[in-house]
C-alpha atoms as a PDB file:
ATOM      1  CA  MET A   1      37.396 -15.516  -8.204  1.00  0.00           C
ATOM      2  CA  THR A   2      34.756 -14.954 -10.900  1.00  0.00           C
ATOM      3  CA  GLU A   3      33.941 -17.644 -13.443  1.00  0.00           C
ATOM      4  CA  GLU A   4      34.071 -16.530 -17.041  1.00  0.00           C
ATOM      5  CA  ALA A   5      30.781 -16.679 -18.948  1.00  0.00           C
ATOM      6  CA  VAL A   6      30.477 -19.486 -21.442  1.00  0.00           C
ATOM      7  CA  VAL A   7      28.034 -20.503 -24.141  1.00  0.00           C
ATOM      8  CA  PHE A   8      27.312 -23.922 -25.571  1.00  0.00           C
ATOM      9  CA  ILE A   9      27.202 -24.331 -29.329  1.00  0.00           C
ATOM     10  CA  ASP A  10      26.495 -27.877 -30.507  1.00  0.00           C
ATOM     11  CA  ASP A  11      27.531 -29.225 -27.096  1.00  0.00           C
ATOM     12  CA  GLU A  12      30.839 -27.363 -27.302  1.00  0.00           C
ATOM     13  CA  GLU A  13      31.653 -24.972 -24.451  1.00  0.00           C
ATOM     14  CA  ILE A  14      33.013 -21.645 -25.693  1.00  0.00           C
ATOM     15  CA  LYS A  15      34.084 -18.704 -23.559  1.00  0.00           C
ATOM     16  CA  VAL A  16      32.168 -15.526 -24.359  1.00  0.00           C
ATOM     17  CA  SER A  17      35.488 -13.658 -24.515  1.00  0.00           C
ATOM     18  CA  GLU A  18      36.488 -15.915 -27.422  1.00  0.00           C
ATOM     19  CA  LEU A  19      33.438 -15.080 -29.509  1.00  0.00           C
ATOM     20  CA  SER A  20      33.615 -12.777 -32.509  1.00  0.00           C
ATOM     21  CA  ASP A  21      32.144  -9.293 -32.180  1.00  0.00           C
ATOM     22  CA  GLN A  22      29.073 -10.408 -34.130  1.00  0.00           C
ATOM     23  CA  GLN A  23      28.629 -13.457 -31.895  1.00  0.00           C
ATOM     24  CA  LYS A  24      28.980 -11.308 -28.773  1.00  0.00           C
ATOM     25  CA  TYR A  25      26.355  -8.908 -30.129  1.00  0.00           C
ATOM     26  CA  LEU A  26      23.943 -11.729 -30.950  1.00  0.00           C
ATOM     27  CA  HIS A  27      24.611 -13.356 -27.577  1.00  0.00           C
ATOM     28  CA  SER A  28      23.795 -10.061 -25.845  1.00  0.00           C
ATOM     29  CA  GLN A  29      20.591  -9.786 -27.857  1.00  0.00           C
ATOM     30  CA  LEU A  30      19.577 -13.289 -26.802  1.00  0.00           C
ATOM     31  CA  LEU A  31      20.296 -12.581 -23.138  1.00  0.00           C
ATOM     32  CA  ASP A  32      18.274  -9.371 -23.297  1.00  0.00           C
ATOM     33  CA  LEU A  33      15.371 -11.141 -25.004  1.00  0.00           C
ATOM     34  CA  ARG A  34      15.373 -13.906 -22.373  1.00  0.00           C
ATOM     35  CA  ASN A  35      15.215 -11.275 -19.645  1.00  0.00           C
ATOM     36  CA  LYS A  36      12.371  -9.483 -21.427  1.00  0.00           C
ATOM     37  CA  GLU A  37      10.514 -12.767 -21.849  1.00  0.00           C
ATOM     38  CA  ALA A  38      10.809 -13.502 -18.130  1.00  0.00           C
ATOM     39  CA  SER A  39       9.661  -9.985 -17.257  1.00  0.00           C
ATOM     40  CA  LEU A  40       6.676 -10.191 -19.602  1.00  0.00           C
ATOM     41  CA  LYS A  41       5.656 -13.567 -18.165  1.00  0.00           C
ATOM     42  CA  PHE A  42       5.858 -12.049 -14.677  1.00  0.00           C
ATOM     43  CA  GLN A  43       3.703  -9.108 -15.775  1.00  0.00           C
ATOM     44  CA  LEU A  44       1.244 -11.443 -17.491  1.00  0.00           C
ATOM     45  CA  ASP A  45       0.809 -13.355 -14.217  1.00  0.00           C
ATOM     46  CA  GLN A  46      -0.051 -10.039 -12.525  1.00  0.00           C
ATOM     47  CA  VAL A  47      -2.515  -9.129 -15.287  1.00  0.00           C
ATOM     48  CA  ALA A  48      -4.197 -12.536 -15.096  1.00  0.00           C
ATOM     49  CA  ALA A  49      -4.587 -12.278 -11.317  1.00  0.00           C
ATOM     50  CA  SER A  50      -5.977  -8.738 -11.582  1.00  0.00           C
ATOM     51  CA  MET A  51      -8.408  -9.766 -14.318  1.00  0.00           C
ATOM     52  CA  SER A  52      -9.703 -12.544 -12.099  1.00  0.00           C
ATOM     53  CA  VAL A  53     -10.362 -10.100  -9.264  1.00  0.00           C
ATOM     54  CA  PHE A  54     -12.125  -7.598 -11.532  1.00  0.00           C
ATOM     55  CA  GLN A  55     -14.128 -10.341 -13.233  1.00  0.00           C
ATOM     56  CA  SER A  56     -15.374 -11.617  -9.873  1.00  0.00           C
ATOM     57  CA  ALA A  57     -16.252  -8.079  -8.796  1.00  0.00           C
ATOM     58  CA  PHE A  58     -18.110  -7.511 -12.079  1.00  0.00           C
ATOM     59  CA  VAL A  59     -20.123 -10.719 -11.670  1.00  0.00           C
ATOM     60  CA  GLU A  60     -20.955  -9.822  -8.073  1.00  0.00           C
ATOM     61  CA  ALA A  61     -22.029  -6.297  -9.046  1.00  0.00           C
ATOM     62  CA  SER A  62     -24.161  -7.717 -11.856  1.00  0.00           C
ATOM     63  CA  LYS A  63     -25.892 -10.085  -9.428  1.00  0.00           C
ATOM     64  CA  GLU A  64     -26.650  -7.172  -7.104  1.00  0.00           C
ATOM     65  CA  VAL A  65     -28.153  -5.125  -9.950  1.00  0.00           C
ATOM     66  CA  ALA A  66     -30.209  -8.124 -11.105  1.00  0.00           C
ATOM     67  CA  GLU A  67     -31.553  -8.641  -7.580  1.00  0.00           C
ATOM     68  CA  GLU A  68     -32.511  -4.943  -7.343  1.00  0.00           C
ATOM     69  CA  VAL A  69     -34.367  -5.156 -10.671  1.00  0.00           C
ATOM     70  CA  LEU A  70     -36.215  -8.282  -9.554  1.00  0.00           C
ATOM     71  CA  ASP A  71     -37.133  -6.661  -6.238  1.00  0.00           C
ATOM     72  CA  GLU A  72     -38.514  -3.599  -8.064  1.00  0.00           C
ATOM     73  CA  GLU A  73     -40.557  -5.818 -10.402  1.00  0.00           C
ATOM     74  CA  GLU A  74     -42.052  -7.690  -7.448  1.00  0.00           C
ATOM     75  CA  GLU A  75     -42.958  -4.415  -5.723  1.00  0.00           C
ATOM     76  CA  THR A  76     -44.637  -3.188  -8.929  1.00  0.00           C
ATOM     77  CA  LYS A  77     -46.648  -6.410  -9.219  1.00  0.00           C
ATOM     78  CA  GLU A  78     -47.794  -6.135  -5.602  1.00  0.00           C
ATOM     79  CA  VAL A  79     -49.015  -2.565  -6.150  1.00  0.00           C
ATOM     80  CA  ASN A  80     -51.015  -3.544  -9.238  1.00  0.00           C
END
Protein backbone atom coordinates (compact mmCIF):
# COMPACT_ATOMS: atom_id res chain seq x y z
CA MET A 1 0.00 0.00 0.00
CA THR A 2 1.41 3.40 -1.02
CA GLU A 3 1.10 6.41 1.25
CA GLU A 4 -0.37 9.48 -0.36
CA ALA A 5 1.92 12.51 -0.58
CA VAL A 6 1.16 15.30 1.83
CA VAL A 7 2.34 18.85 2.38
CA PHE A 8 2.36 20.92 5.54
CA ILE A 9 0.99 24.45 5.40
CA ASP A 10 1.09 26.30 8.72
CA ASP A 11 1.41 22.99 10.57
CA GLU A 12 -1.66 21.63 8.80
CA GLU A 13 -1.25 18.38 6.86
CA ILE A 14 -2.88 18.51 3.43
CA LYS A 15 -2.97 15.73 0.86
CA VAL A 16 -1.42 16.74 -2.45
CA SER A 17 -4.49 15.34 -4.23
CA GLU A 18 -6.59 17.92 -2.38
CA LEU A 19 -4.56 20.88 -3.59
CA SER A 20 -5.82 23.22 -6.29
CA ASP A 21 -4.24 22.99 -9.74
CA GLN A 22 -2.19 26.11 -9.00
CA GLN A 23 -1.00 24.68 -5.68
CA LYS A 24 -0.06 21.39 -7.35
CA TYR A 25 1.90 23.30 -10.00
CA LEU A 26 3.73 25.38 -7.39
CA HIS A 27 4.37 22.28 -5.28
CA SER A 28 5.88 20.55 -8.32
CA GLN A 29 8.07 23.58 -8.97
CA LEU A 30 9.31 23.51 -5.39
CA LEU A 31 10.08 19.79 -5.54
CA ASP A 32 11.98 20.26 -8.80
CA LEU A 33 13.95 23.19 -7.38
CA ARG A 34 14.88 21.18 -4.27
CA ASN A 35 16.15 18.38 -6.48
CA LYS A 36 18.14 20.85 -8.59
CA GLU A 37 19.60 22.42 -5.46
CA ALA A 38 20.74 19.02 -4.19
CA SER A 39 22.23 18.16 -7.58
CA LEU A 40 24.08 21.48 -7.80
CA LYS A 41 25.47 21.05 -4.29
CA PHE A 42 26.68 17.58 -5.28
CA GLN A 43 28.32 18.99 -8.41
CA LEU A 44 29.86 21.83 -6.42
CA ASP A 45 31.47 19.29 -4.07
CA GLN A 46 33.01 17.61 -7.14
CA VAL A 47 34.25 20.95 -8.51
CA ALA A 48 35.77 21.91 -5.16
CA ALA A 49 37.60 18.58 -4.88
CA SER A 50 38.88 18.85 -8.47
CA MET A 51 40.03 22.43 -7.91
CA SER A 52 42.01 21.30 -4.88
CA VAL A 53 43.78 18.62 -6.92
CA PHE A 54 44.60 21.01 -9.77
CA GLN A 55 45.71 23.73 -7.36
CA SER A 56 48.12 21.33 -5.65
CA ALA A 57 49.45 20.18 -9.02
CA PHE A 58 49.91 23.81 -10.11
CA VAL A 59 51.83 24.67 -6.93
CA GLU A 60 54.01 21.59 -7.33
CA ALA A 61 54.73 22.38 -10.99
CA SER A 62 55.57 25.97 -10.05
CA LYS A 63 58.03 24.77 -7.41
CA GLU A 64 59.71 22.52 -9.98
CA VAL A 65 60.06 25.40 -12.46
CA ALA A 66 61.42 27.68 -9.72
CA GLU A 67 64.01 25.06 -8.74
CA GLU A 68 65.09 24.68 -12.40
CA VAL A 69 65.51 28.46 -12.71
CA LEU A 70 67.56 28.61 -9.52
CA ASP A 71 69.73 25.71 -10.67
CA GLU A 72 70.38 27.47 -14.00
CA GLU A 73 71.30 30.70 -12.20
CA GLU A 74 73.77 28.86 -9.97
CA GLU A 75 75.36 27.16 -12.99
CA THR A 76 75.71 30.56 -14.72
CA LYS A 77 77.36 32.06 -11.63
CA GLU A 78 79.82 29.17 -11.42
CA VAL A 79 80.83 29.63 -15.06
CA ASN A 80 81.46 33.35 -14.59
